Protein backbone atom coordinates (compact mmCIF):
# COMPACT_ATOMS: atom_id res chain seq x y z
CA MET A 1 -2.87 17.08 20.77
CA ASN A 2 -6.53 17.40 19.83
CA SER A 3 -8.49 16.59 16.71
CA SER A 4 -8.04 20.02 15.16
CA ASP A 5 -4.26 19.51 15.19
CA LEU A 6 -4.53 16.24 13.23
CA ALA A 7 -6.89 17.90 10.76
CA ALA A 8 -4.45 20.79 10.32
CA ILE A 9 -1.49 18.46 9.72
CA ILE A 10 -3.45 16.51 7.10
CA ALA A 11 -4.76 19.69 5.44
CA HIS A 12 -1.35 21.37 5.27
CA GLY A 13 0.37 18.19 4.14
CA SER A 14 -2.16 17.45 1.40
CA ASP A 15 -1.84 21.04 0.16
CA GLU A 16 1.93 20.60 0.03
CA LEU A 17 1.49 17.39 -1.97
CA GLY A 18 -1.02 19.08 -4.27
CA ILE A 19 -3.82 16.69 -3.35
CA ASP A 20 -7.42 17.87 -2.93
CA LEU A 21 -9.08 15.77 -0.24
CA PRO A 22 -12.83 15.13 -0.38
CA SER A 23 -15.21 16.72 2.08
CA GLY A 24 -15.40 14.81 5.36
CA SER A 25 -12.00 13.17 5.04
CA ASP A 26 -10.65 14.97 8.11
CA ALA A 27 -13.28 13.28 10.28
CA LEU A 28 -12.42 9.88 8.76
CA PHE A 29 -8.71 10.34 9.41
CA GLN A 30 -9.50 11.32 13.01
CA THR A 31 -11.66 8.23 13.51
CA TYR A 32 -8.92 6.11 11.93
CA TYR A 33 -6.33 7.58 14.29
CA ASN A 34 -8.51 7.08 17.36
CA PHE A 35 -9.19 3.44 16.47
CA LEU A 36 -5.54 2.74 15.68
CA ASP A 37 -4.46 4.39 18.92
CA LYS A 38 -6.94 2.27 20.89
CA GLN A 39 -6.32 -1.06 19.16
CA GLY A 40 -2.79 -0.78 17.84
CA GLU A 41 -0.90 -1.84 20.94
CA CYS A 42 -3.09 -4.89 21.50
CA VAL A 43 -2.69 -6.11 17.92
CA ASN A 44 0.94 -4.93 17.53
CA LEU A 45 0.12 -2.94 14.41
CA THR A 46 2.67 -0.13 14.30
CA ALA A 47 5.69 1.21 16.14
CA ILE A 48 4.75 4.72 15.00
CA THR A 49 2.50 6.43 17.54
CA GLY A 50 1.25 9.92 18.37
CA VAL A 51 -0.87 12.27 16.30
CA GLN A 52 1.97 14.06 14.52
CA ASP A 53 3.92 10.96 13.49
CA VAL A 54 0.86 8.92 12.51
CA ALA A 55 -0.56 11.83 10.50
CA ARG A 56 2.68 12.39 8.63
CA LEU A 57 4.48 9.04 8.48
CA HIS A 58 1.36 6.94 7.89
CA PHE A 59 -1.49 9.05 6.49
CA LEU A 60 0.41 11.59 4.38
CA ASP A 61 3.05 9.09 3.29
CA SER A 62 0.25 6.84 2.03
CA ILE A 63 -1.72 9.44 0.09
CA ALA A 64 1.49 10.71 -1.52
CA LEU A 65 1.07 7.76 -3.91
CA LEU A 66 -1.80 9.64 -5.56
CA LYS A 67 0.84 11.89 -7.14
CA THR A 68 2.74 8.98 -8.72
CA THR A 69 0.06 7.81 -11.17
CA PRO A 70 -3.63 8.48 -11.91
CA PHE A 71 -5.71 6.19 -9.68
CA ASN A 72 -9.12 7.37 -10.98
CA ASP A 73 -11.55 4.43 -10.68
CA SER A 74 -8.78 1.86 -10.41
CA ARG A 75 -9.07 -1.57 -8.82
CA VAL A 76 -6.38 -1.45 -6.12
CA ILE A 77 -4.96 -4.18 -3.90
CA ASP A 78 -2.81 -3.42 -0.84
CA ILE A 79 -0.63 -6.48 -0.22
CA GLY A 80 0.54 -7.04 3.35
CA SER A 81 -1.69 -4.19 4.47
CA GLY A 82 -1.00 -4.49 8.21
CA ALA A 83 -2.69 -1.53 9.86
CA GLY A 84 -4.13 -0.42 6.51
CA PHE A 85 -1.25 1.51 5.00
CA PRO A 86 -1.26 2.70 2.32
CA GLY A 87 -4.64 1.27 1.25
CA VAL A 88 -7.10 2.84 3.70
CA PRO A 89 -5.72 6.41 3.49
CA LEU A 90 -5.82 6.07 -0.30
CA LYS A 91 -9.49 5.04 -0.11
CA ILE A 92 -10.28 8.00 2.16
CA ALA A 93 -8.50 10.39 -0.20
CA ALA A 94 -9.85 8.78 -3.40
CA PRO A 95 -13.20 7.14 -2.52
CA GLU A 96 -13.80 6.09 -6.14
CA ILE A 97 -11.11 3.39 -6.09
CA GLU A 98 -12.14 -0.25 -5.61
CA LEU A 99 -9.93 -1.44 -2.74
CA THR A 100 -8.88 -4.86 -1.51
CA LEU A 101 -6.78 -5.27 1.64
CA LEU A 102 -4.77 -8.50 1.81
CA ASP A 103 -2.96 -9.74 4.91
CA SER A 104 -1.88 -13.13 6.24
CA SER A 105 -2.65 -12.30 9.88
CA GLY A 106 -6.11 -13.04 11.24
CA LYS A 107 -5.70 -10.40 13.95
CA ARG A 108 -4.77 -7.73 11.45
CA ILE A 109 -7.61 -8.63 9.10
CA ARG A 110 -10.09 -8.45 11.99
CA PHE A 111 -8.70 -5.01 12.83
CA LEU A 112 -9.02 -3.93 9.21
CA SER A 113 -12.55 -5.32 8.87
CA ASP A 114 -13.63 -3.46 12.01
CA LEU A 115 -11.86 -0.32 10.82
CA VAL A 116 -13.49 -0.11 7.38
CA SER A 117 -16.86 -0.87 8.95
CA LEU A 118 -16.32 1.96 11.43
CA LEU A 119 -15.32 4.30 8.60
CA ASP A 120 -18.23 3.06 6.45
CA LEU A 121 -15.90 2.30 3.54
CA ASP A 122 -16.69 -0.29 0.90
CA VAL A 123 -13.49 -2.37 1.10
CA ASN A 124 -12.80 -6.06 0.54
CA CYS A 125 -10.63 -7.59 3.31
CA VAL A 126 -8.92 -10.88 2.44
CA HIS A 127 -7.22 -13.11 5.00
CA GLU A 128 -4.63 -15.13 3.07
CA ARG A 129 -0.95 -15.38 2.30
CA ALA A 130 -0.10 -13.45 -0.87
CA GLU A 131 1.50 -16.41 -2.64
CA LEU A 132 -1.67 -18.44 -2.11
CA ALA A 133 -4.16 -15.67 -2.85
CA ALA A 134 -2.40 -15.01 -6.16
CA ASN A 135 -3.67 -18.37 -7.42
CA ASN A 136 -7.28 -17.38 -6.75
CA LEU A 137 -8.73 -16.70 -10.20
CA CYS A 138 -10.91 -13.94 -8.78
CA LEU A 139 -7.79 -12.06 -7.65
CA ARG A 140 -5.04 -13.04 -10.09
CA GLU A 141 -4.31 -10.35 -12.71
CA HIS A 142 -7.48 -8.55 -11.61
CA TYR A 143 -6.06 -5.25 -10.33
CA ASP A 144 -5.04 -2.05 -12.09
CA VAL A 145 -2.72 -1.15 -9.22
CA ALA A 146 -1.03 -3.24 -6.54
CA VAL A 147 0.65 -1.36 -3.70
CA SER A 148 2.87 -2.61 -0.92
CA ARG A 149 4.62 -1.02 1.98
CA ALA A 150 5.83 -4.39 3.25
CA VAL A 151 9.37 -4.73 4.55
CA ALA A 152 10.86 -7.15 2.03
CA HIS A 153 13.42 -6.97 -0.77
CA LEU A 154 12.01 -5.79 -4.07
CA ASN A 155 12.73 -9.07 -5.89
CA VAL A 156 10.62 -10.90 -3.29
CA LEU A 157 7.85 -8.31 -3.40
CA CYS A 158 7.69 -8.51 -7.18
CA GLU A 159 7.00 -12.24 -7.11
CA LEU A 160 4.34 -11.79 -4.41
CA CYS A 161 2.64 -8.74 -5.95
CA LEU A 162 2.94 -8.76 -9.75
CA PRO A 163 0.68 -11.83 -10.20
CA PHE A 164 -2.23 -9.71 -8.94
CA VAL A 165 -1.70 -6.97 -11.54
CA CYS A 166 -3.51 -7.00 -14.88
CA VAL A 167 -1.53 -6.52 -18.08
CA GLY A 168 -1.01 -2.78 -18.44
CA GLY A 169 -1.36 -2.23 -14.70
CA LEU A 170 1.16 -1.06 -12.10
CA PHE A 171 2.87 -2.45 -9.05
CA ILE A 172 3.97 0.37 -6.73
CA ALA A 173 6.51 -0.56 -4.07
CA MET A 174 7.06 1.99 -1.30
CA LYS A 175 10.76 2.17 -0.50
CA GLY A 176 13.25 4.29 1.42
CA THR A 177 15.68 6.98 0.38
CA ASP A 178 17.88 4.96 -1.98
CA PRO A 179 16.38 1.79 -3.45
CA SER A 180 18.94 1.58 -6.28
CA GLU A 181 20.59 -1.60 -4.98
CA GLU A 182 17.22 -3.33 -4.55
CA ILE A 183 16.11 -2.25 -8.01
CA ALA A 184 19.28 -3.62 -9.56
CA GLY A 185 18.78 -6.88 -7.68
CA ALA A 186 15.17 -7.16 -8.87
CA GLY A 187 15.84 -6.74 -12.59
CA ASN A 188 15.69 -10.46 -13.33
CA ALA A 189 12.50 -10.93 -11.30
CA ILE A 190 10.78 -8.01 -13.02
CA LYS A 191 11.57 -9.44 -16.45
CA ILE A 192 10.60 -13.04 -15.64
CA LEU A 193 7.31 -11.96 -14.06
CA GLY A 194 6.23 -10.03 -17.16
CA ALA A 195 6.98 -6.44 -16.25
CA VAL A 196 9.34 -3.51 -16.76
CA LEU A 197 10.65 -0.84 -14.44
CA GLN A 198 8.76 2.33 -15.33
CA ASP A 199 9.93 4.99 -12.88
CA CYS A 200 11.26 5.84 -9.44
CA ILE A 201 9.49 8.81 -7.91
CA PHE A 202 11.17 10.43 -4.92
CA TYR A 203 9.24 12.59 -2.46
CA THR A 204 9.60 14.14 0.98
CA VAL A 205 6.89 13.40 3.52
CA PRO A 206 5.28 16.80 4.31
CA GLY A 207 6.32 18.30 7.63
CA THR A 208 9.39 16.05 7.92
CA ASP A 209 12.85 15.49 6.47
CA VAL A 210 11.90 11.90 5.61
CA LYS A 211 12.51 11.03 1.97
CA HIS A 212 10.86 8.04 0.35
CA CYS A 213 10.69 6.52 -3.10
CA ALA A 214 7.80 4.95 -4.98
CA VAL A 215 9.09 2.31 -7.40
CA LEU A 216 6.68 1.94 -10.33
CA ILE A 217 6.75 -1.38 -12.20
CA ARG A 218 4.51 -1.78 -15.26
CA LYS A 219 2.99 -5.17 -16.15
CA THR A 220 3.48 -5.85 -19.87
CA THR A 221 2.66 -9.56 -20.26
CA PRO A 222 0.85 -12.16 -18.13
CA THR A 223 2.87 -13.61 -15.25
CA PRO A 224 3.78 -17.26 -15.92
CA VAL A 225 1.39 -19.56 -14.05
CA LYS A 226 4.19 -21.16 -12.00
CA PHE A 227 4.65 -17.90 -10.10
CA PRO A 228 4.43 -17.12 -7.29
CA ARG A 229 6.21 -20.12 -5.82
CA ARG A 230 5.94 -21.32 -2.23
CA PHE A 231 7.23 -18.64 0.12
CA SER A 232 10.03 -20.85 1.42
CA ARG A 233 11.26 -21.14 -2.17
CA ILE A 234 10.86 -17.42 -2.84
CA LYS A 235 12.88 -16.60 0.25
CA SER A 236 15.64 -19.18 -0.22
CA SER A 237 16.01 -18.69 -3.97
CA PRO A 238 14.70 -15.28 -5.08
CA LEU A 239 14.44 -14.64 -8.81
């Protein structure tokens, strides 16, 4: 499949989502795909491969978040960014956001640093564990929006992600078809960490039958300074 096919998938999918992409974004998505395809296997970045699946299950799935809340000129942090999803596609689709990519893996952060340089995007890449980075005063409660596509239970993600969100801001957790059990299990964590469940927005990834849910959690008060705890404690005794 050639570059025009990827561009067509992105164009049709963004139209279906009701998202207007900026001029030149098709070339950036193509460069992103080429770099991921070349480097992904070496760095073990994603099990999803091929133009069609990457375009839909990574790129379009990521930019679908733009329909969940106004991003405008928001300060956004992608926690556990991995291969850059959803953060980098969001930056391509909404260049005005101020983006930070956070990951604990040196290999992944090197990939991300090289990627954003190649794409000529102004992005801050931070190599640190989330529970440690959250105690950095330059990062704690600094962001309007925190996003995460990480594979972890919602109560764990809340403790790792909500400390980065400013009061009034949002944490958006990308989840599967039915996150109701996780949401119920995270109620205590959400309350303790100074937030409330705002909404669950369900969507179908364009061109597929895949249904996902964006869980929106609104920060209402500062997170107590004792959170997040050490990861071993978070994992063994979630809130």
